[in-house]
Amino acid sequence: MTEPTFRLQDPRPTQKENPYTFHIPSKEELAEVTKGTTVKLIFSAVPASEKYDAERMWVIVEHRDGTNLVGRLDNTPEDIPGLNPGDPVEFQIHHVIDVDWEDPELNARFASDFNNWFARCFVDDAVLERRARVGFVYREDPEHDDEDKYPDTGWRIRADVEQLSQEEYDDTPCSYVAIGAVLNCDDSFVHLLSEPVGSRFLRTEGDTYELCRENQ
């Protein structure tokens, strides 16, 4: 029996842990995948590659039977010896992480605003490291060029001081990251993101946010 040269990664655990920054197609979108559809899968070399943890590559579907699919690889692997363009690939529908729709109607129907979560913000590292929840959020004029691929939203996310020692709070650095990376850790303030510049909100004991006045 020929030894496998690759395995396919199940993207669902990663998406569950990172819902705002790791996108997978909806059930409705996956239901439209059929013969001739081009889909993207995550391949890992067997044995493991020394260069890459995984490679994301396109596969053209040739057959579908329920959740079982067979296609042909439509990319050239960087470091998966024995796997070549045109080789058959058997997979399950849950392995699909993206679909390249040639049909304009389907492309429009499944268009997503997912990339909005990659716009940037400043956040205390204690939140990203899950050492503290979000305690205070405010929005100021963006510091970075609006023409950046992922512009600054102006949101500034501070950790809950009650969950840190004063020394930790004073010394914790901050990072400039995708706002989705913060929401992966704590999305309690997601409903506030359309609020205008100048908005300031403090988290209450009841886990709601109250509007702060300038003199507070």
N, C-alpha and C. Protein backbone atom coordinates (compact mmCIF):
# COMPACT_ATOMS: atom_id res chain seq x y z
N MET A 1 0.84 -1.20 0.00
CA MET A 1 0.00 0.00 0.00
C MET A 1 0.88 1.25 0.00
N THR A 2 0.55 2.20 -0.85
CA THR A 2 1.33 3.43 -0.94
C THR A 2 1.12 4.29 0.31
N GLU A 3 2.23 4.74 0.88
CA GLU A 3 2.15 5.59 2.06
C GLU A 3 1.65 6.98 1.65
N PRO A 4 0.78 7.59 2.46
CA PRO A 4 0.29 8.94 2.13
C PRO A 4 1.41 9.97 2.20
N THR A 5 1.35 10.95 1.32
CA THR A 5 2.36 12.02 1.31
C THR A 5 1.84 13.29 1.97
N PHE A 6 0.55 13.30 2.29
CA PHE A 6 -0.02 14.49 2.93
C PHE A 6 -1.25 14.09 3.74
N ARG A 7 -1.65 14.97 4.60
CA ARG A 7 -2.93 14.86 5.28
C ARG A 7 -3.63 16.21 5.17
N LEU A 8 -4.92 16.20 5.26
CA LEU A 8 -5.71 17.43 5.20
C LEU A 8 -6.09 17.87 6.62
N GLN A 9 -5.95 19.14 6.88
CA GLN A 9 -6.30 19.67 8.19
C GLN A 9 -7.79 19.98 8.27
N ASP A 10 -8.38 19.66 9.41
CA ASP A 10 -9.75 20.04 9.69
C ASP A 10 -9.73 21.47 10.21
N PRO A 11 -10.32 22.44 9.48
CA PRO A 11 -10.21 23.85 9.90
C PRO A 11 -11.19 24.23 11.01
N ARG A 12 -12.12 23.37 11.35
CA ARG A 12 -13.18 23.76 12.28
C ARG A 12 -12.68 24.09 13.69
N PRO A 13 -11.74 23.33 14.27
CA PRO A 13 -11.25 23.73 15.59
C PRO A 13 -10.57 25.09 15.59
N THR A 14 -9.80 25.38 14.54
CA THR A 14 -9.13 26.68 14.46
C THR A 14 -10.15 27.80 14.33
N GLN A 15 -11.19 27.58 13.51
CA GLN A 15 -12.22 28.60 13.34
C GLN A 15 -12.99 28.82 14.64
N LYS A 16 -13.24 27.76 15.38
CA LYS A 16 -13.97 27.88 16.64
C LYS A 16 -13.19 28.71 17.65
N GLU A 17 -11.87 28.56 17.65
CA GLU A 17 -11.02 29.30 18.57
C GLU A 17 -10.78 30.74 18.11
N ASN A 18 -10.85 30.96 16.80
CA ASN A 18 -10.57 32.28 16.24
C ASN A 18 -11.68 32.70 15.27
N PRO A 19 -12.90 32.86 15.77
CA PRO A 19 -14.04 33.08 14.87
C PRO A 19 -14.00 34.37 14.07
N TYR A 20 -13.25 35.38 14.57
CA TYR A 20 -13.22 36.66 13.87
C TYR A 20 -12.06 36.79 12.88
N THR A 21 -11.10 35.89 12.93
CA THR A 21 -9.93 36.01 12.06
C THR A 21 -9.66 34.76 11.22
N PHE A 22 -10.46 33.73 11.39
CA PHE A 22 -10.27 32.53 10.56
C PHE A 22 -11.63 32.19 9.95
N HIS A 23 -11.76 32.46 8.68
CA HIS A 23 -13.04 32.31 7.99
C HIS A 23 -13.15 30.94 7.34
N ILE A 24 -14.32 30.32 7.46
CA ILE A 24 -14.65 29.15 6.65
C ILE A 24 -16.03 29.38 6.04
N PRO A 25 -16.32 28.76 4.91
CA PRO A 25 -17.61 28.98 4.26
C PRO A 25 -18.78 28.50 5.11
N SER A 26 -19.92 29.12 4.92
CA SER A 26 -21.13 28.72 5.62
C SER A 26 -21.65 27.40 5.06
N LYS A 27 -22.57 26.78 5.79
CA LYS A 27 -23.19 25.54 5.32
C LYS A 27 -23.92 25.79 4.00
N GLU A 28 -24.53 26.97 3.87
CA GLU A 28 -25.25 27.30 2.65
C GLU A 28 -24.29 27.38 1.46
N GLU A 29 -23.12 27.97 1.70
CA GLU A 29 -22.14 28.07 0.62
C GLU A 29 -21.59 26.69 0.25
N LEU A 30 -21.27 25.89 1.24
CA LEU A 30 -20.73 24.56 0.97
C LEU A 30 -21.74 23.68 0.25
N ALA A 31 -23.01 23.93 0.47
CA ALA A 31 -24.04 23.13 -0.20
C ALA A 31 -24.03 23.35 -1.71
N GLU A 32 -23.48 24.47 -2.17
CA GLU A 32 -23.44 24.79 -3.60
C GLU A 32 -22.21 24.22 -4.31
N VAL A 33 -21.29 23.66 -3.54
CA VAL A 33 -20.07 23.09 -4.14
C VAL A 33 -20.43 21.83 -4.92
N THR A 34 -20.02 21.78 -6.17
CA THR A 34 -20.33 20.64 -7.01
C THR A 34 -19.21 20.44 -8.04
N LYS A 35 -19.41 19.55 -8.99
CA LYS A 35 -18.40 19.28 -10.00
C LYS A 35 -18.01 20.57 -10.72
N GLY A 36 -16.71 20.81 -10.84
CA GLY A 36 -16.20 22.00 -11.51
C GLY A 36 -15.90 23.15 -10.58
N THR A 37 -16.37 23.10 -9.32
CA THR A 37 -16.09 24.16 -8.35
C THR A 37 -14.63 24.06 -7.88
N THR A 38 -14.00 25.21 -7.71
CA THR A 38 -12.63 25.24 -7.20
C THR A 38 -12.66 25.62 -5.72
N VAL A 39 -12.07 24.76 -4.89
CA VAL A 39 -12.09 24.96 -3.45
C VAL A 39 -10.67 24.94 -2.90
N LYS A 40 -10.50 25.57 -1.74
CA LYS A 40 -9.18 25.61 -1.12
C LYS A 40 -9.18 24.71 0.11
N LEU A 41 -8.09 23.93 0.25
CA LEU A 41 -7.89 23.01 1.37
C LEU A 41 -6.55 23.29 2.03
N ILE A 42 -6.37 22.79 3.24
CA ILE A 42 -5.10 22.94 3.95
C ILE A 42 -4.40 21.59 3.97
N PHE A 43 -3.23 21.53 3.34
CA PHE A 43 -2.43 20.31 3.24
C PHE A 43 -1.24 20.37 4.20
N SER A 44 -0.95 19.27 4.86
CA SER A 44 0.27 19.12 5.65
C SER A 44 1.05 17.93 5.12
N ALA A 45 2.35 18.11 4.96
CA ALA A 45 3.18 17.04 4.42
C ALA A 45 3.32 15.90 5.42
N VAL A 46 3.44 14.68 4.89
CA VAL A 46 3.72 13.48 5.69
C VAL A 46 4.91 12.78 5.05
N PRO A 47 6.07 12.70 5.77
CA PRO A 47 6.34 13.28 7.10
C PRO A 47 6.35 14.81 7.04
N ALA A 48 6.33 15.42 8.21
CA ALA A 48 6.19 16.87 8.32
C ALA A 48 7.30 17.61 7.57
N SER A 49 6.90 18.70 6.90
CA SER A 49 7.85 19.55 6.20
C SER A 49 8.70 20.34 7.18
N GLU A 50 9.96 20.55 6.83
CA GLU A 50 10.83 21.40 7.65
C GLU A 50 10.62 22.87 7.33
N LYS A 51 9.94 23.18 6.22
CA LYS A 51 9.74 24.56 5.79
C LYS A 51 8.40 25.13 6.24
N TYR A 52 7.34 24.33 6.13
CA TYR A 52 6.00 24.86 6.35
C TYR A 52 5.19 23.93 7.25
N ASP A 53 4.39 24.52 8.10
CA ASP A 53 3.44 23.73 8.88
C ASP A 53 2.34 23.19 7.99
N ALA A 54 1.96 24.00 7.00
CA ALA A 54 0.89 23.61 6.10
C ALA A 54 0.94 24.46 4.84
N GLU A 55 0.27 23.99 3.79
CA GLU A 55 0.14 24.73 2.55
C GLU A 55 -1.33 24.78 2.15
N ARG A 56 -1.81 25.98 1.83
CA ARG A 56 -3.19 26.15 1.39
C ARG A 56 -3.21 26.12 -0.13
N MET A 57 -3.95 25.16 -0.68
CA MET A 57 -3.93 24.98 -2.13
C MET A 57 -5.34 24.72 -2.67
N TRP A 58 -5.50 25.05 -3.97
CA TRP A 58 -6.78 24.91 -4.64
C TRP A 58 -6.93 23.52 -5.26
N VAL A 59 -8.16 23.04 -5.22
CA VAL A 59 -8.50 21.74 -5.80
C VAL A 59 -9.77 21.92 -6.63
N ILE A 60 -9.79 21.37 -7.83
CA ILE A 60 -10.98 21.43 -8.70
C ILE A 60 -11.80 20.16 -8.47
N VAL A 61 -13.03 20.34 -8.03
CA VAL A 61 -13.90 19.21 -7.71
C VAL A 61 -14.29 18.46 -8.99
N GLU A 62 -14.14 17.13 -8.94
CA GLU A 62 -14.56 16.29 -10.07
C GLU A 62 -15.78 15.45 -9.74
N HIS A 63 -16.00 15.19 -8.45
CA HIS A 63 -17.13 14.35 -8.06
C HIS A 63 -17.52 14.68 -6.63
N ARG A 64 -18.83 14.68 -6.38
CA ARG A 64 -19.32 14.85 -5.02
C ARG A 64 -20.41 13.83 -4.73
N ASP A 65 -20.30 13.18 -3.58
CA ASP A 65 -21.32 12.26 -3.11
C ASP A 65 -21.61 12.61 -1.65
N GLY A 66 -22.58 13.47 -1.44
CA GLY A 66 -22.88 13.93 -0.09
C GLY A 66 -21.76 14.79 0.44
N THR A 67 -21.13 14.35 1.53
CA THR A 67 -20.02 15.10 2.11
C THR A 67 -18.67 14.62 1.61
N ASN A 68 -18.66 13.59 0.76
CA ASN A 68 -17.42 13.04 0.20
C ASN A 68 -17.15 13.64 -1.17
N LEU A 69 -15.92 14.11 -1.38
CA LEU A 69 -15.57 14.73 -2.65
C LEU A 69 -14.23 14.20 -3.16
N VAL A 70 -14.07 14.27 -4.47
CA VAL A 70 -12.81 13.95 -5.11
C VAL A 70 -12.51 15.08 -6.09
N GLY A 71 -11.25 15.53 -6.10
CA GLY A 71 -10.86 16.58 -7.03
C GLY A 71 -9.45 16.39 -7.51
N ARG A 72 -8.97 17.39 -8.26
CA ARG A 72 -7.60 17.38 -8.78
C ARG A 72 -6.88 18.62 -8.27
N LEU A 73 -5.66 18.42 -7.79
CA LEU A 73 -4.87 19.53 -7.26
C LEU A 73 -4.60 20.55 -8.36
N ASP A 74 -4.82 21.84 -8.07
CA ASP A 74 -4.66 22.90 -9.07
C ASP A 74 -3.52 23.85 -8.70
N ASN A 75 -2.63 23.42 -7.81
CA ASN A 75 -1.45 24.20 -7.43
C ASN A 75 -0.22 23.31 -7.43
N THR A 76 0.94 23.96 -7.38
CA THR A 76 2.20 23.22 -7.23
C THR A 76 2.66 23.34 -5.78
N PRO A 77 2.74 22.24 -5.05
CA PRO A 77 3.18 22.30 -3.65
C PRO A 77 4.60 22.83 -3.53
N GLU A 78 4.85 23.56 -2.45
CA GLU A 78 6.20 24.08 -2.19
C GLU A 78 7.10 23.00 -1.60
N ASP A 79 6.54 22.20 -0.68
CA ASP A 79 7.39 21.19 -0.01
C ASP A 79 6.55 20.01 0.46
N ILE A 80 5.87 19.37 -0.50
CA ILE A 80 5.17 18.12 -0.21
C ILE A 80 5.60 17.12 -1.28
N PRO A 81 6.74 16.47 -1.09
CA PRO A 81 7.26 15.53 -2.09
C PRO A 81 6.24 14.45 -2.42
N GLY A 82 6.11 14.16 -3.70
CA GLY A 82 5.20 13.12 -4.13
C GLY A 82 3.81 13.61 -4.47
N LEU A 83 3.52 14.88 -4.19
CA LEU A 83 2.23 15.47 -4.54
C LEU A 83 2.45 16.48 -5.65
N ASN A 84 1.71 16.32 -6.74
CA ASN A 84 1.94 17.15 -7.92
C ASN A 84 0.62 17.71 -8.46
N PRO A 85 0.71 18.79 -9.25
CA PRO A 85 -0.51 19.34 -9.87
C PRO A 85 -1.22 18.26 -10.67
N GLY A 86 -2.54 18.22 -10.54
CA GLY A 86 -3.33 17.23 -11.25
C GLY A 86 -3.56 15.94 -10.50
N ASP A 87 -2.85 15.75 -9.38
CA ASP A 87 -3.04 14.53 -8.60
C ASP A 87 -4.43 14.51 -7.97
N PRO A 88 -5.02 13.32 -7.84
CA PRO A 88 -6.34 13.23 -7.20
C PRO A 88 -6.26 13.52 -5.71
N VAL A 89 -7.29 14.17 -5.19
CA VAL A 89 -7.38 14.49 -3.77
C VAL A 89 -8.77 14.11 -3.28
N GLU A 90 -8.84 13.21 -2.33
CA GLU A 90 -10.11 12.86 -1.70
C GLU A 90 -10.26 13.67 -0.42
N PHE A 91 -11.43 14.24 -0.21
CA PHE A 91 -11.63 15.07 0.97
C PHE A 91 -13.09 15.12 1.37
N GLN A 92 -13.32 15.68 2.54
CA GLN A 92 -14.67 15.88 3.06
C GLN A 92 -15.03 17.36 2.90
N ILE A 93 -16.32 17.63 2.81
CA ILE A 93 -16.74 19.01 2.60
C ILE A 93 -16.28 19.92 3.74
N HIS A 94 -16.12 19.38 4.94
CA HIS A 94 -15.68 20.23 6.06
C HIS A 94 -14.23 20.65 5.95
N HIS A 95 -13.48 20.06 5.02
CA HIS A 95 -12.08 20.47 4.83
C HIS A 95 -11.96 21.79 4.06
N VAL A 96 -13.03 22.23 3.42
CA VAL A 96 -12.98 23.41 2.56
C VAL A 96 -12.88 24.68 3.40
N ILE A 97 -11.90 25.54 3.08
CA ILE A 97 -11.76 26.82 3.78
C ILE A 97 -12.11 28.02 2.90
N ASP A 98 -12.24 27.79 1.60
CA ASP A 98 -12.58 28.89 0.70
C ASP A 98 -13.11 28.30 -0.60
N VAL A 99 -13.93 29.10 -1.30
CA VAL A 99 -14.47 28.68 -2.59
C VAL A 99 -14.26 29.81 -3.59
N ASP A 100 -13.74 29.46 -4.76
CA ASP A 100 -13.53 30.44 -5.82
C ASP A 100 -14.69 30.34 -6.80
N TRP A 101 -15.69 31.21 -6.60
CA TRP A 101 -16.88 31.14 -7.43
C TRP A 101 -16.67 31.86 -8.77
N GLU A 102 -16.83 31.11 -9.86
CA GLU A 102 -16.77 31.73 -11.18
C GLU A 102 -18.12 32.33 -11.55
N ASP A 103 -19.19 31.78 -10.98
CA ASP A 103 -20.54 32.27 -11.24
C ASP A 103 -20.73 33.60 -10.51
N PRO A 104 -20.94 34.71 -11.24
CA PRO A 104 -21.09 36.03 -10.59
C PRO A 104 -22.22 36.06 -9.56
N GLU A 105 -23.30 35.32 -9.84
CA GLU A 105 -24.43 35.32 -8.91
C GLU A 105 -24.05 34.67 -7.59
N LEU A 106 -23.37 33.54 -7.67
CA LEU A 106 -22.93 32.88 -6.44
C LEU A 106 -21.86 33.70 -5.73
N ASN A 107 -20.98 34.31 -6.51
CA ASN A 107 -19.94 35.15 -5.91
C ASN A 107 -20.55 36.31 -5.14
N ALA A 108 -21.59 36.92 -5.70
CA ALA A 108 -22.26 38.03 -5.03
C ALA A 108 -23.04 37.55 -3.80
N ARG A 109 -23.69 36.37 -3.93
CA ARG A 109 -24.50 35.88 -2.83
C ARG A 109 -23.65 35.57 -1.60
N PHE A 110 -22.45 35.06 -1.84
CA PHE A 110 -21.61 34.64 -0.71
C PHE A 110 -20.49 35.62 -0.40
N ALA A 111 -20.59 36.83 -0.95
CA ALA A 111 -19.61 37.86 -0.60
C ALA A 111 -19.69 38.13 0.90
N SER A 112 -18.54 38.36 1.50
CA SER A 112 -18.48 38.51 2.96
C SER A 112 -17.77 39.80 3.34
N ASP A 113 -18.17 40.36 4.49
CA ASP A 113 -17.47 41.52 5.03
C ASP A 113 -16.45 41.08 6.07
N PHE A 114 -16.04 39.81 5.98
CA PHE A 114 -15.11 39.22 6.96
C PHE A 114 -13.83 40.04 7.10
N ASN A 115 -13.34 40.61 5.99
CA ASN A 115 -12.07 41.35 6.06
C ASN A 115 -12.16 42.59 6.93
N ASN A 116 -13.38 43.03 7.25
CA ASN A 116 -13.51 44.19 8.15
C ASN A 116 -12.89 43.93 9.51
N TRP A 117 -12.85 42.67 9.91
CA TRP A 117 -12.29 42.33 11.23
C TRP A 117 -10.77 42.48 11.25
N PHE A 118 -10.15 42.74 10.09
CA PHE A 118 -8.70 42.90 10.06
C PHE A 118 -8.28 44.36 10.15
N ALA A 119 -9.23 45.28 10.20
CA ALA A 119 -8.88 46.68 10.47
C ALA A 119 -8.24 46.74 11.86
N ARG A 120 -7.36 47.71 12.08
CA ARG A 120 -6.48 47.69 13.24
C ARG A 120 -7.00 48.49 14.44
N CYS A 121 -6.42 48.17 15.58
CA CYS A 121 -6.69 48.89 16.82
C CYS A 121 -5.46 48.73 17.72
N PHE A 122 -5.41 49.52 18.79
CA PHE A 122 -4.40 49.32 19.83
C PHE A 122 -5.06 48.62 21.00
N VAL A 123 -4.36 47.66 21.60
CA VAL A 123 -4.93 46.89 22.69
C VAL A 123 -3.84 46.52 23.69
N ASP A 124 -4.19 46.51 24.98
CA ASP A 124 -3.26 46.04 26.00
C ASP A 124 -2.98 44.56 25.77
N ASP A 125 -1.70 44.19 25.86
CA ASP A 125 -1.33 42.79 25.64
C ASP A 125 -1.98 41.85 26.66
N ALA A 126 -2.31 42.37 27.82
CA ALA A 126 -2.96 41.53 28.83
C ALA A 126 -4.28 40.96 28.32
N VAL A 127 -4.96 41.69 27.44
CA VAL A 127 -6.19 41.18 26.83
C VAL A 127 -5.87 40.10 25.81
N LEU A 128 -4.89 40.37 24.94
CA LEU A 128 -4.51 39.38 23.93
C LEU A 128 -3.99 38.10 24.55
N GLU A 129 -3.33 38.24 25.69
CA GLU A 129 -2.78 37.06 26.38
C GLU A 129 -3.82 36.41 27.29
N ARG A 130 -5.02 36.96 27.29
CA ARG A 130 -6.14 36.44 28.08
C ARG A 130 -5.85 36.43 29.58
N ARG A 131 -5.03 37.38 30.01
CA ARG A 131 -4.79 37.57 31.44
C ARG A 131 -5.83 38.48 32.06
N ALA A 132 -6.54 39.20 31.22
CA ALA A 132 -7.58 40.11 31.71
C ALA A 132 -8.60 40.31 30.61
N ARG A 133 -9.81 40.60 31.01
CA ARG A 133 -10.86 40.90 30.05
C ARG A 133 -10.77 42.38 29.65
N VAL A 134 -11.53 42.76 28.65
CA VAL A 134 -11.62 44.16 28.28
C VAL A 134 -12.35 44.92 29.38
N GLY A 135 -11.79 46.10 29.77
CA GLY A 135 -12.42 46.89 30.81
C GLY A 135 -12.87 48.27 30.36
N PHE A 136 -12.18 48.82 29.34
CA PHE A 136 -12.47 50.18 28.90
C PHE A 136 -12.13 50.29 27.43
N VAL A 137 -13.02 50.88 26.64
CA VAL A 137 -12.77 51.07 25.22
C VAL A 137 -13.08 52.51 24.85
N TYR A 138 -12.27 53.08 23.97
CA TYR A 138 -12.55 54.42 23.48
C TYR A 138 -12.05 54.54 22.05
N ARG A 139 -12.62 55.52 21.34
CA ARG A 139 -12.27 55.68 19.93
C ARG A 139 -11.75 57.08 19.69
N GLU A 140 -10.57 57.15 19.10
CA GLU A 140 -9.96 58.45 18.79
C GLU A 140 -9.67 58.52 17.30
N ASP A 141 -9.19 59.67 16.85
CA ASP A 141 -8.86 59.80 15.44
C ASP A 141 -7.79 58.77 15.06
N PRO A 142 -7.97 58.07 13.96
CA PRO A 142 -6.98 57.07 13.55
C PRO A 142 -5.60 57.69 13.36
N GLU A 143 -4.58 56.93 13.71
CA GLU A 143 -3.21 57.41 13.59
C GLU A 143 -2.56 57.01 12.28
N HIS A 144 -3.19 56.09 11.56
CA HIS A 144 -2.54 55.55 10.38
C HIS A 144 -3.34 55.89 9.13
N ASP A 145 -2.68 55.80 8.00
CA ASP A 145 -3.24 56.20 6.72
C ASP A 145 -4.47 55.37 6.36
N ASP A 146 -5.53 56.06 5.95
CA ASP A 146 -6.76 55.38 5.55
C ASP A 146 -6.55 54.49 4.33
N GLU A 147 -5.46 54.73 3.59
CA GLU A 147 -5.20 53.94 2.40
C GLU A 147 -4.45 52.65 2.71
N ASP A 148 -4.10 52.43 3.98
CA ASP A 148 -3.49 51.17 4.37
C ASP A 148 -4.44 50.03 4.02
N LYS A 149 -3.89 48.88 3.72
CA LYS A 149 -4.73 47.72 3.41
C LYS A 149 -5.68 47.45 4.55
N TYR A 150 -5.17 47.54 5.79
CA TYR A 150 -6.00 47.37 6.98
C TYR A 150 -5.85 48.63 7.83
N PRO A 151 -6.71 49.62 7.63
CA PRO A 151 -6.55 50.91 8.30
C PRO A 151 -6.84 50.84 9.80
N ASP A 152 -6.38 51.85 10.49
CA ASP A 152 -6.62 52.02 11.92
C ASP A 152 -8.09 52.39 12.12
N THR A 153 -8.78 51.65 13.00
CA THR A 153 -10.18 51.98 13.31
C THR A 153 -10.30 53.15 14.28
N GLY A 154 -9.20 53.43 15.01
CA GLY A 154 -9.26 54.44 16.06
C GLY A 154 -9.64 53.86 17.42
N TRP A 155 -10.03 52.60 17.46
CA TRP A 155 -10.39 51.99 18.75
C TRP A 155 -9.16 51.66 19.57
N ARG A 156 -9.26 51.95 20.88
CA ARG A 156 -8.20 51.67 21.85
C ARG A 156 -8.83 50.82 22.95
N ILE A 157 -8.23 49.66 23.19
CA ILE A 157 -8.83 48.66 24.07
C ILE A 157 -7.94 48.48 25.30
N ARG A 158 -8.50 48.77 26.46
CA ARG A 158 -7.74 48.67 27.71
C ARG A 158 -8.23 47.49 28.54
N ALA A 159 -7.30 46.89 29.24
CA ALA A 159 -7.62 45.75 30.10
C ALA A 159 -8.38 46.19 31.34
N ASP A 160 -9.14 45.27 31.92
CA ASP A 160 -9.86 45.52 33.17
C ASP A 160 -8.85 45.62 34.31
N VAL A 161 -8.70 46.80 34.89
CA VAL A 161 -7.71 47.04 35.92
C VAL A 161 -7.95 46.17 37.15
N GLU A 162 -9.20 45.76 37.37
CA GLU A 162 -9.51 44.95 38.55
C GLU A 162 -8.92 43.55 38.45
N GLN A 163 -8.55 43.14 37.24
CA GLN A 163 -8.01 41.79 37.07
C GLN A 163 -6.48 41.77 36.99
N LEU A 164 -5.87 42.92 37.18
CA LEU A 164 -4.42 43.04 37.14
C LEU A 164 -3.93 43.77 38.38
N SER A 165 -2.72 43.46 38.79
CA SER A 165 -2.10 44.26 39.83
C SER A 165 -1.77 45.63 39.23
N GLN A 166 -1.57 46.62 40.09
CA GLN A 166 -1.25 47.95 39.58
C GLN A 166 0.03 47.93 38.76
N GLU A 167 0.99 47.13 39.21
CA GLU A 167 2.26 47.03 38.47
C GLU A 167 2.03 46.42 37.09
N GLU A 168 1.19 45.37 37.03
CA GLU A 168 0.89 44.76 35.74
C GLU A 168 0.19 45.75 34.82
N TYR A 169 -0.74 46.50 35.37
CA TYR A 169 -1.50 47.44 34.56
C TYR A 169 -0.61 48.57 34.04
N ASP A 170 0.28 49.07 34.90
CA ASP A 170 1.16 50.16 34.50
C ASP A 170 2.19 49.71 33.47
N ASP A 171 2.62 48.44 33.58
CA ASP A 171 3.74 47.98 32.75
C ASP A 171 3.32 47.18 31.52
N THR A 172 2.04 46.80 31.43
CA THR A 172 1.66 45.97 30.29
C THR A 172 1.81 46.74 28.99
N PRO A 173 2.51 46.17 28.02
CA PRO A 173 2.65 46.85 26.73
C PRO A 173 1.35 46.74 25.94
N CYS A 174 1.29 47.47 24.85
CA CYS A 174 0.13 47.36 23.97
C CYS A 174 0.61 47.00 22.57
N SER A 175 -0.31 46.48 21.77
CA SER A 175 0.01 46.05 20.41
C SER A 175 -0.98 46.66 19.43
N TYR A 176 -0.52 46.81 18.19
CA TYR A 176 -1.35 47.30 17.09
C TYR A 176 -1.72 46.08 16.27
N VAL A 177 -2.97 45.64 16.38
CA VAL A 177 -3.38 44.36 15.80
C VAL A 177 -4.74 44.48 15.12
N ALA A 178 -5.13 43.43 14.43
CA ALA A 178 -6.48 43.35 13.87
C ALA A 178 -7.49 43.35 15.01
N ILE A 179 -8.56 44.11 14.83
CA ILE A 179 -9.55 44.16 15.89
C ILE A 179 -10.20 42.79 16.09
N GLY A 180 -10.21 41.98 15.04
CA GLY A 180 -10.72 40.63 15.18
C GLY A 180 -9.91 39.78 16.14
N ALA A 181 -8.60 40.04 16.23
CA ALA A 181 -7.75 39.30 17.17
C ALA A 181 -8.17 39.59 18.61
N VAL A 182 -8.60 40.82 18.87
CA VAL A 182 -9.09 41.17 20.20
C VAL A 182 -10.44 40.50 20.45
N LEU A 183 -11.31 40.54 19.44
CA LEU A 183 -12.64 39.95 19.59
C LEU A 183 -12.57 38.43 19.80
N ASN A 184 -11.54 37.80 19.25
CA ASN A 184 -11.35 36.37 19.52
C ASN A 184 -11.19 36.10 21.01
N CYS A 185 -10.59 37.06 21.70
CA CYS A 185 -10.35 36.91 23.15
C CYS A 185 -11.53 37.38 23.98
N ASP A 186 -12.18 38.46 23.54
CA ASP A 186 -13.28 39.05 24.30
C ASP A 186 -14.11 39.91 23.34
N ASP A 187 -15.28 39.43 22.98
CA ASP A 187 -16.10 40.18 22.02
C ASP A 187 -17.26 40.90 22.69
N SER A 188 -17.11 41.18 23.97
CA SER A 188 -18.19 41.83 24.73
C SER A 188 -18.53 43.22 24.21
N PHE A 189 -17.62 43.85 23.47
CA PHE A 189 -17.83 45.23 22.99
C PHE A 189 -18.11 45.30 21.50
N VAL A 190 -18.35 44.16 20.86
CA VAL A 190 -18.50 44.15 19.40
C VAL A 190 -19.66 45.03 18.93
N HIS A 191 -20.69 45.16 19.76
CA HIS A 191 -21.86 45.97 19.39
C HIS A 191 -21.57 47.46 19.41
N LEU A 192 -20.40 47.85 19.91
CA LEU A 192 -20.05 49.28 20.01
C LEU A 192 -19.22 49.77 18.82
N LEU A 193 -18.80 48.90 17.95
CA LEU A 193 -17.78 49.25 16.96
C LEU A 193 -18.22 50.28 15.94
N SER A 194 -19.51 50.52 15.80
CA SER A 194 -19.97 51.55 14.87
C SER A 194 -20.10 52.92 15.54
N GLU A 195 -19.77 52.99 16.82
CA GLU A 195 -19.85 54.27 17.53
C GLU A 195 -18.79 55.23 16.99
N PRO A 196 -19.06 56.54 17.03
CA PRO A 196 -18.16 57.51 16.40
C PRO A 196 -16.90 57.81 17.21
N VAL A 197 -15.95 58.47 16.54
CA VAL A 197 -14.75 58.97 17.21
C VAL A 197 -15.17 59.86 18.39
N GLY A 198 -14.48 59.70 19.52
CA GLY A 198 -14.81 60.43 20.72
C GLY A 198 -15.60 59.61 21.73
N SER A 199 -16.10 58.44 21.30
CA SER A 199 -16.86 57.58 22.19
C SER A 199 -15.94 56.91 23.21
N ARG A 200 -16.46 56.78 24.44
CA ARG A 200 -15.72 56.14 25.52
C ARG A 200 -16.71 55.30 26.33
N PHE A 201 -16.34 54.03 26.56
CA PHE A 201 -17.25 53.14 27.28
C PHE A 201 -16.49 52.36 28.35
N LEU A 202 -17.09 52.29 29.53
CA LEU A 202 -16.53 51.57 30.66
C LEU A 202 -17.38 50.34 30.93
N ARG A 203 -16.72 49.23 31.12
CA ARG A 203 -17.43 47.98 31.41
C ARG A 203 -17.93 47.99 32.86
N THR A 204 -19.15 47.57 33.05
CA THR A 204 -19.74 47.57 34.38
C THR A 204 -19.63 46.18 35.01
N GLU A 205 -20.00 46.10 36.28
CA GLU A 205 -19.98 44.81 36.96
C GLU A 205 -20.96 43.84 36.32
N GLY A 206 -22.00 44.36 35.70
CA GLY A 206 -22.98 43.51 35.05
C GLY A 206 -22.61 43.12 33.63
N ASP A 207 -21.37 43.41 33.24
CA ASP A 207 -20.85 43.06 31.91
C ASP A 207 -21.54 43.81 30.78
N THR A 208 -22.11 44.97 31.09
CA THR A 208 -22.58 45.87 30.05
C THR A 208 -21.58 47.02 29.97
N TYR A 209 -21.78 47.92 29.01
CA TYR A 209 -20.89 49.07 28.86
C TYR A 209 -21.69 50.36 29.01
N GLU A 210 -21.16 51.26 29.83
CA GLU A 210 -21.82 52.54 30.00
C GLU A 210 -20.99 53.65 29.36
N LEU A 211 -21.69 54.60 28.77
CA LEU A 211 -21.03 55.71 28.10
C LEU A 211 -20.37 56.60 29.13
N CYS A 212 -19.13 56.96 28.89
CA CYS A 212 -18.38 57.82 29.80
C CYS A 212 -18.37 59.24 29.26
N ARG A 213 -18.49 60.20 30.16
CA ARG A 213 -18.38 61.61 29.80
C ARG A 213 -16.91 62.01 29.94
N GLU A 214 -16.55 63.09 29.29
CA GLU A 214 -15.16 63.54 29.28
C GLU A 214 -14.63 63.81 30.68
N ASN A 215 -15.49 64.23 31.59
CA ASN A 215 -15.01 64.59 32.93
C ASN A 215 -15.04 63.39 33.89
N GLN A 216 -15.37 62.21 33.38
CA GLN A 216 -15.39 61.03 34.25
C GLN A 216 -14.00 60.46 34.38
